[in-house]
Amino acid sequence: MCYKSGLANLFPRGVYLDSDSRDRQDVDCVARCLGGDLAAFEPLVSRYERVLFRVAFRLTGEYEDARDATQNAFIKAFEQLHRYDGKRKFFSWIYRIAVNECLNLRRSRRPQEALTERSGGAETQGGPFEAFAQAEARSRIDRAMAHLSFEYREVIALRHFADLSYEEMADAIGVPEKTVKSRLFSARQKLAGLLGIKGDANDGTGKQ
């Protein structure tokens, strides 16, 4: 498998959080839930469970921890729903809860050298050779990301595994957009170095 085509080609491509109408739907679900319609919380779980798990896995490095962090985040979000500010994106709010859960879990266990994902990875496309190549690429990324700082893991995960824009990342992390861009550039350079990839640090997504 050739890795000279650039860092961007090793990441899964997808769009998760790209709709203003989705934000409005989130606010509506929260309002209905607070009004007594507890079933209105289910669409929020369905909408964000997978992407939160993908990010949590890249932050914790362990399948079980990522699963627990994701589940705990939704439980705490439900319990604290009255604190949600409808002016913010729901994902940004629950993401901060998930990050705290990830940090708590990381502190409670011994650090691991490599990430060991058992499920929840990016979908493979094409035949068996393409599936093998994609699995190999993900494995290389996971091992390399284990050597990144938490802040670097975070921006890589949000950009490449949650497909957030710079603005959405800034809102989720709680830092200025220029800080996000600078941190992401450095994270990509570090990751590319660990993977032995030469070239620029652009992600090739075209998303601002």
C-alpha atoms as a PDB file:
ATOM      1  CA  MET A   1       0.000   0.000   0.000  1.00  0.00           C
ATOM      2  CA  CYS A   2       1.341   3.429  -0.932  1.00  0.00           C
ATOM      3  CA  TYR A   3       1.283   6.214   1.649  1.00  0.00           C
ATOM      4  CA  LYS A   4       2.976   8.857  -0.471  1.00  0.00           C
ATOM      5  CA  SER A   5      -0.311  10.350  -1.691  1.00  0.00           C
ATOM      6  CA  GLY A   6      -0.673  12.334   1.497  1.00  0.00           C
ATOM      7  CA  LEU A   7      -2.137  12.232   4.981  1.00  0.00           C
ATOM      8  CA  ALA A   8      -5.679  13.075   3.855  1.00  0.00           C
ATOM      9  CA  ASN A   9      -6.148   9.832   1.931  1.00  0.00           C
ATOM     10  CA  LEU A  10      -5.716   7.755   5.091  1.00  0.00           C
ATOM     11  CA  PHE A  11      -8.758   9.221   6.813  1.00  0.00           C
ATOM     12  CA  PRO A  12     -12.405   8.180   6.347  1.00  0.00           C
ATOM     13  CA  ARG A  13     -14.568  10.666   4.531  1.00  0.00           C
ATOM     14  CA  GLY A  14     -18.059  11.545   5.627  1.00  0.00           C
ATOM     15  CA  VAL A  15     -20.371  14.315   6.737  1.00  0.00           C
ATOM     16  CA  TYR A  16     -21.996  14.145  10.140  1.00  0.00           C
ATOM     17  CA  LEU A  17     -22.751  17.645  11.350  1.00  0.00           C
ATOM     18  CA  ASP A  18     -23.442  19.924   8.436  1.00  0.00           C
ATOM     19  CA  SER A  19     -27.042  21.091   8.669  1.00  0.00           C
ATOM     20  CA  ASP A  20     -28.656  24.120  10.261  1.00  0.00           C
ATOM     21  CA  SER A  21     -31.968  22.259  10.149  1.00  0.00           C
ATOM     22  CA  ARG A  22     -30.381  19.525  12.261  1.00  0.00           C
ATOM     23  CA  ASP A  23     -29.469  22.109  14.886  1.00  0.00           C
ATOM     24  CA  ARG A  24     -33.069  23.282  14.965  1.00  0.00           C
ATOM     25  CA  GLN A  25     -34.263  19.703  15.272  1.00  0.00           C
ATOM     26  CA  ASP A  26     -31.904  19.200  18.213  1.00  0.00           C
ATOM     27  CA  VAL A  27     -33.285  22.218  20.037  1.00  0.00           C
ATOM     28  CA  ASP A  28     -36.816  20.992  19.368  1.00  0.00           C
ATOM     29  CA  CYS A  29     -35.982  17.532  20.749  1.00  0.00           C
ATOM     30  CA  VAL A  30     -34.550  19.062  23.908  1.00  0.00           C
ATOM     31  CA  ALA A  31     -37.616  21.291  24.385  1.00  0.00           C
ATOM     32  CA  ARG A  32     -39.979  18.350  23.925  1.00  0.00           C
ATOM     33  CA  CYS A  33     -37.978  16.239  26.333  1.00  0.00           C
ATOM     34  CA  LEU A  34     -37.996  18.952  28.985  1.00  0.00           C
ATOM     35  CA  GLY A  35     -41.741  19.268  28.408  1.00  0.00           C
ATOM     36  CA  GLY A  36     -42.271  15.649  29.417  1.00  0.00           C
ATOM     37  CA  ASP A  37     -41.839  13.777  26.130  1.00  0.00           C
ATOM     38  CA  LEU A  38     -38.900  11.640  27.227  1.00  0.00           C
ATOM     39  CA  ALA A  39     -38.921   9.704  23.967  1.00  0.00           C
ATOM     40  CA  ALA A  40     -37.775  12.910  22.238  1.00  0.00           C
ATOM     41  CA  PHE A  41     -34.278  12.209  23.568  1.00  0.00           C
ATOM     42  CA  GLU A  42     -33.974   9.080  21.428  1.00  0.00           C
ATOM     43  CA  PRO A  43     -33.356  10.948  18.124  1.00  0.00           C
ATOM     44  CA  LEU A  44     -30.451  12.765  19.781  1.00  0.00           C
ATOM     45  CA  VAL A  45     -28.897   9.460  20.785  1.00  0.00           C
ATOM     46  CA  SER A  46     -29.404   8.015  17.302  1.00  0.00           C
ATOM     47  CA  ARG A  47     -27.959  11.133  15.674  1.00  0.00           C
ATOM     48  CA  TYR A  48     -24.788  11.488  17.736  1.00  0.00           C
ATOM     49  CA  GLU A  49     -24.006   8.136  19.345  1.00  0.00           C
ATOM     50  CA  ARG A  50     -21.836   6.873  16.508  1.00  0.00           C
ATOM     51  CA  VAL A  51     -19.837  10.049  15.943  1.00  0.00           C
ATOM     52  CA  LEU A  52     -19.275  10.511  19.690  1.00  0.00           C
ATOM     53  CA  PHE A  53     -18.008   6.960  19.935  1.00  0.00           C
ATOM     54  CA  ARG A  54     -15.618   7.470  17.017  1.00  0.00           C
ATOM     55  CA  VAL A  55     -14.169  10.567  18.644  1.00  0.00           C
ATOM     56  CA  ALA A  56     -14.108   9.007  22.127  1.00  0.00           C
ATOM     57  CA  PHE A  57     -12.236   6.002  20.803  1.00  0.00           C
ATOM     58  CA  ARG A  58      -9.538   8.198  19.292  1.00  0.00           C
ATOM     59  CA  LEU A  59      -9.252  10.091  22.578  1.00  0.00           C
ATOM     60  CA  THR A  60      -9.146   7.113  24.951  1.00  0.00           C
ATOM     61  CA  GLY A  61      -7.468   4.518  22.769  1.00  0.00           C
ATOM     62  CA  GLU A  62      -9.690   1.742  24.124  1.00  0.00           C
ATOM     63  CA  TYR A  63     -12.945   0.312  22.807  1.00  0.00           C
ATOM     64  CA  GLU A  64     -14.427  -0.320  26.256  1.00  0.00           C
ATOM     65  CA  ASP A  65     -13.494   3.142  27.498  1.00  0.00           C
ATOM     66  CA  ALA A  66     -14.935   4.780  24.395  1.00  0.00           C
ATOM     67  CA  ARG A  67     -18.166   2.844  24.787  1.00  0.00           C
ATOM     68  CA  ASP A  68     -18.438   3.742  28.481  1.00  0.00           C
ATOM     69  CA  ALA A  69     -17.594   7.387  27.842  1.00  0.00           C
ATOM     70  CA  THR A  70     -20.244   7.627  25.140  1.00  0.00           C
ATOM     71  CA  GLN A  71     -22.916   5.957  27.250  1.00  0.00           C
ATOM     72  CA  ASN A  72     -22.071   8.033  30.319  1.00  0.00           C
ATOM     73  CA  ALA A  73     -22.143  11.223  28.248  1.00  0.00           C
ATOM     74  CA  PHE A  74     -25.707  10.563  27.137  1.00  0.00           C
ATOM     75  CA  ILE A  75     -26.802   9.632  30.652  1.00  0.00           C
ATOM     76  CA  LYS A  76     -25.340  12.821  32.110  1.00  0.00           C
ATOM     77  CA  ALA A  77     -26.680  14.913  29.236  1.00  0.00           C
ATOM     78  CA  PHE A  78     -30.164  13.567  29.920  1.00  0.00           C
ATOM     79  CA  GLU A  79     -29.831  14.268  33.640  1.00  0.00           C
ATOM     80  CA  GLN A  80     -28.526  17.800  33.000  1.00  0.00           C
ATOM     81  CA  LEU A  81     -30.715  18.644  30.020  1.00  0.00           C
ATOM     82  CA  HIS A  82     -32.170  21.642  31.845  1.00  0.00           C
ATOM     83  CA  ARG A  83     -28.708  23.226  31.720  1.00  0.00           C
ATOM     84  CA  TYR A  84     -28.441  23.082  27.947  1.00  0.00           C
ATOM     85  CA  ASP A  85     -28.318  26.488  26.249  1.00  0.00           C
ATOM     86  CA  GLY A  86     -30.288  26.331  23.003  1.00  0.00           C
ATOM     87  CA  LYS A  87     -28.052  29.015  21.519  1.00  0.00           C
ATOM     88  CA  ARG A  88     -25.235  26.484  21.312  1.00  0.00           C
ATOM     89  CA  LYS A  89     -25.030  23.420  19.122  1.00  0.00           C
ATOM     90  CA  PHE A  90     -26.207  20.355  21.005  1.00  0.00           C
ATOM     91  CA  PHE A  91     -23.213  18.376  19.740  1.00  0.00           C
ATOM     92  CA  SER A  92     -20.786  20.938  21.167  1.00  0.00           C
ATOM     93  CA  TRP A  93     -22.513  20.694  24.536  1.00  0.00           C
ATOM     94  CA  ILE A  94     -22.621  16.910  24.774  1.00  0.00           C
ATOM     95  CA  TYR A  95     -19.125  16.693  23.312  1.00  0.00           C
ATOM     96  CA  ARG A  96     -17.708  18.554  26.308  1.00  0.00           C
ATOM     97  CA  ILE A  97     -19.467  16.074  28.593  1.00  0.00           C
ATOM     98  CA  ALA A  98     -17.987  13.186  26.601  1.00  0.00           C
ATOM     99  CA  VAL A  99     -14.482  14.687  26.782  1.00  0.00           C
ATOM    100  CA  ASN A 100     -14.710  14.896  30.570  1.00  0.00           C
ATOM    101  CA  GLU A 101     -15.774  11.256  30.650  1.00  0.00           C
ATOM    102  CA  CYS A 102     -12.831  10.321  28.428  1.00  0.00           C
ATOM    103  CA  LEU A 103     -10.399  12.152  30.690  1.00  0.00           C
ATOM    104  CA  ASN A 104     -11.841  10.500  33.797  1.00  0.00           C
ATOM    105  CA  LEU A 105     -11.502   7.058  32.232  1.00  0.00           C
ATOM    106  CA  ARG A 106      -7.951   7.737  31.041  1.00  0.00           C
ATOM    107  CA  ARG A 107      -6.945   8.764  34.559  1.00  0.00           C
ATOM    108  CA  SER A 108      -8.537   5.656  36.059  1.00  0.00           C
ATOM    109  CA  ARG A 109      -6.537   3.114  34.044  1.00  0.00           C
ATOM    110  CA  ARG A 110      -2.958   2.418  33.060  1.00  0.00           C
ATOM    111  CA  PRO A 111      -1.890   4.042  29.777  1.00  0.00           C
ATOM    112  CA  GLN A 112      -1.837   1.769  26.754  1.00  0.00           C
ATOM    113  CA  GLU A 113       0.663   1.864  23.922  1.00  0.00           C
ATOM    114  CA  ALA A 114      -1.745   1.109  21.107  1.00  0.00           C
ATOM    115  CA  LEU A 115      -5.381   1.544  20.307  1.00  0.00           C
ATOM    116  CA  THR A 116      -7.379  -1.666  20.092  1.00  0.00           C
ATOM    117  CA  GLU A 117     -10.626  -1.018  18.281  1.00  0.00           C
ATOM    118  CA  ARG A 118     -12.954  -4.005  18.114  1.00  0.00           C
ATOM    119  CA  SER A 119     -15.794  -2.256  16.326  1.00  0.00           C
ATOM    120  CA  GLY A 120     -17.102   1.149  15.409  1.00  0.00           C
ATOM    121  CA  GLY A 121     -14.424   1.906  12.813  1.00  0.00           C
ATOM    122  CA  ALA A 122     -14.990   3.510   9.455  1.00  0.00           C
ATOM    123  CA  GLU A 123     -16.955   1.443   6.978  1.00  0.00           C
ATOM    124  CA  THR A 124     -14.875  -0.290   4.372  1.00  0.00           C
ATOM    125  CA  GLN A 125     -15.736   0.076   0.725  1.00  0.00           C
ATOM    126  CA  GLY A 126     -14.990  -2.074  -2.282  1.00  0.00           C
ATOM    127  CA  GLY A 127     -13.712  -5.634  -2.370  1.00  0.00           C
ATOM    128  CA  PRO A 128     -11.530  -7.602   0.060  1.00  0.00           C
ATOM    129  CA  PHE A 129      -8.299  -5.947  -1.059  1.00  0.00           C
ATOM    130  CA  GLU A 130      -9.743  -2.466  -0.550  1.00  0.00           C
ATOM    131  CA  ALA A 131     -11.122  -3.535   2.838  1.00  0.00           C
ATOM    132  CA  PHE A 132      -7.705  -4.843   3.869  1.00  0.00           C
ATOM    133  CA  ALA A 133      -5.970  -1.665   2.716  1.00  0.00           C
ATOM    134  CA  GLN A 134      -8.423   0.530   4.632  1.00  0.00           C
ATOM    135  CA  ALA A 135      -8.081  -1.606   7.767  1.00  0.00           C
ATOM    136  CA  GLU A 136      -4.284  -1.408   7.503  1.00  0.00           C
ATOM    137  CA  ALA A 137      -4.413   2.372   7.126  1.00  0.00           C
ATOM    138  CA  ARG A 138      -6.703   2.753  10.143  1.00  0.00           C
ATOM    139  CA  SER A 139      -4.441   0.523  12.193  1.00  0.00           C
ATOM    140  CA  ARG A 140      -1.406   2.675  11.325  1.00  0.00           C
ATOM    141  CA  ILE A 141      -3.297   5.856  12.208  1.00  0.00           C
ATOM    142  CA  ASP A 142      -4.485   4.409  15.516  1.00  0.00           C
ATOM    143  CA  ARG A 143      -0.983   3.356  16.533  1.00  0.00           C
ATOM    144  CA  ALA A 144       0.436   6.753  15.584  1.00  0.00           C
ATOM    145  CA  MET A 145      -2.313   8.674  17.358  1.00  0.00           C
ATOM    146  CA  ALA A 146      -1.490   6.831  20.570  1.00  0.00           C
ATOM    147  CA  HIS A 147       1.734   8.893  20.614  1.00  0.00           C
ATOM    148  CA  LEU A 148      -0.002  12.258  20.178  1.00  0.00           C
ATOM    149  CA  SER A 149      -0.968  14.562  23.025  1.00  0.00           C
ATOM    150  CA  PHE A 150      -4.631  14.667  24.031  1.00  0.00           C
ATOM    151  CA  GLU A 151      -5.059  18.093  22.406  1.00  0.00           C
ATOM    152  CA  TYR A 152      -3.640  16.826  19.118  1.00  0.00           C
ATOM    153  CA  ARG A 153      -5.776  13.693  19.226  1.00  0.00           C
ATOM    154  CA  GLU A 154      -8.805  15.864  19.839  1.00  0.00           C
ATOM    155  CA  VAL A 155      -8.440  18.096  16.796  1.00  0.00           C
ATOM    156  CA  ILE A 156      -7.546  15.174  14.519  1.00  0.00           C
ATOM    157  CA  ALA A 157     -10.593  13.231  15.725  1.00  0.00           C
ATOM    158  CA  LEU A 158     -12.989  16.148  15.357  1.00  0.00           C
ATOM    159  CA  ARG A 159     -11.738  17.111  11.914  1.00  0.00           C
ATOM    160  CA  HIS A 160     -11.245  13.704  10.350  1.00  0.00           C
ATOM    161  CA  PHE A 161     -13.567  11.378  12.259  1.00  0.00           C
ATOM    162  CA  ALA A 162     -16.434  13.782  13.040  1.00  0.00           C
ATOM    163  CA  ASP A 163     -15.909  15.947   9.921  1.00  0.00           C
ATOM    164  CA  LEU A 164     -16.448  19.224  11.760  1.00  0.00           C
ATOM    165  CA  SER A 165     -15.638  22.596  10.241  1.00  0.00           C
ATOM    166  CA  TYR A 166     -13.118  24.883  11.938  1.00  0.00           C
ATOM    167  CA  GLU A 167     -15.980  26.936  13.346  1.00  0.00           C
ATOM    168  CA  GLU A 168     -17.697  23.847  14.736  1.00  0.00           C
ATOM    169  CA  MET A 169     -14.437  22.611  16.227  1.00  0.00           C
ATOM    170  CA  ALA A 170     -13.812  25.952  17.913  1.00  0.00           C
ATOM    171  CA  ASP A 171     -17.293  25.871  19.415  1.00  0.00           C
ATOM    172  CA  ALA A 172     -16.912  22.276  20.601  1.00  0.00           C
ATOM    173  CA  ILE A 173     -13.447  22.708  22.116  1.00  0.00           C
ATOM    174  CA  GLY A 174     -14.045  26.222  23.417  1.00  0.00           C
ATOM    175  CA  VAL A 175     -11.063  27.954  21.816  1.00  0.00           C
ATOM    176  CA  PRO A 176     -10.724  30.579  19.036  1.00  0.00           C
ATOM    177  CA  GLU A 177     -10.898  29.338  15.456  1.00  0.00           C
ATOM    178  CA  LYS A 178      -7.320  30.477  14.777  1.00  0.00           C
ATOM    179  CA  THR A 179      -6.167  28.298  17.684  1.00  0.00           C
ATOM    180  CA  VAL A 180      -7.966  25.332  16.156  1.00  0.00           C
ATOM    181  CA  LYS A 181      -6.253  25.877  12.805  1.00  0.00           C
ATOM    182  CA  SER A 182      -2.819  26.230  14.383  1.00  0.00           C
ATOM    183  CA  ARG A 183      -3.280  23.203  16.633  1.00  0.00           C
ATOM    184  CA  LEU A 184      -4.605  21.090  13.775  1.00  0.00           C
ATOM    185  CA  PHE A 185      -1.700  22.065  11.523  1.00  0.00           C
ATOM    186  CA  SER A 186       0.787  21.030  14.197  1.00  0.00           C
ATOM    187  CA  ALA A 187      -1.128  17.822  14.922  1.00  0.00           C
ATOM    188  CA  ARG A 188      -1.115  16.850  11.253  1.00  0.00           C
ATOM    189  CA  GLN A 189       2.609  17.522  10.961  1.00  0.00           C
ATOM    190  CA  LYS A 190       3.286  15.391  14.021  1.00  0.00           C
ATOM    191  CA  LEU A 191       1.025  12.590  12.801  1.00  0.00           C
ATOM    192  CA  ALA A 192       2.495  12.689   9.298  1.00  0.00           C
ATOM    193  CA  GLY A 193       5.975  12.427  10.807  1.00  0.00           C
ATOM    194  CA  LEU A 194       4.944   9.406  12.860  1.00  0.00           C
ATOM    195  CA  LEU A 195       3.472   7.801   9.749  1.00  0.00           C
ATOM    196  CA  GLY A 196       6.509   8.646   7.627  1.00  0.00           C
ATOM    197  CA  ILE A 197       4.469  10.729   5.183  1.00  0.00           C
ATOM    198  CA  LYS A 198       6.035  13.653   3.368  1.00  0.00           C
ATOM    199  CA  GLY A 199       4.062  16.598   2.029  1.00  0.00           C
ATOM    200  CA  ASP A 200       1.900  19.444   3.278  1.00  0.00           C
ATOM    201  CA  ALA A 201      -0.322  19.311   6.351  1.00  0.00           C
ATOM    202  CA  ASN A 202      -3.591  20.027   4.553  1.00  0.00           C
ATOM    203  CA  ASP A 203      -6.436  17.555   4.976  1.00  0.00           C
ATOM    204  CA  GLY A 204      -7.788  17.821   1.455  1.00  0.00           C
ATOM    205  CA  THR A 205     -11.396  18.015   2.624  1.00  0.00           C
ATOM    206  CA  GLY A 206     -11.993  21.509   1.307  1.00  0.00           C
ATOM    207  CA  LYS A 207     -14.124  22.167   4.382  1.00  0.00           C
ATOM    208  CA  GLN A 208     -13.515  25.446   6.175  1.00  0.00           C
END
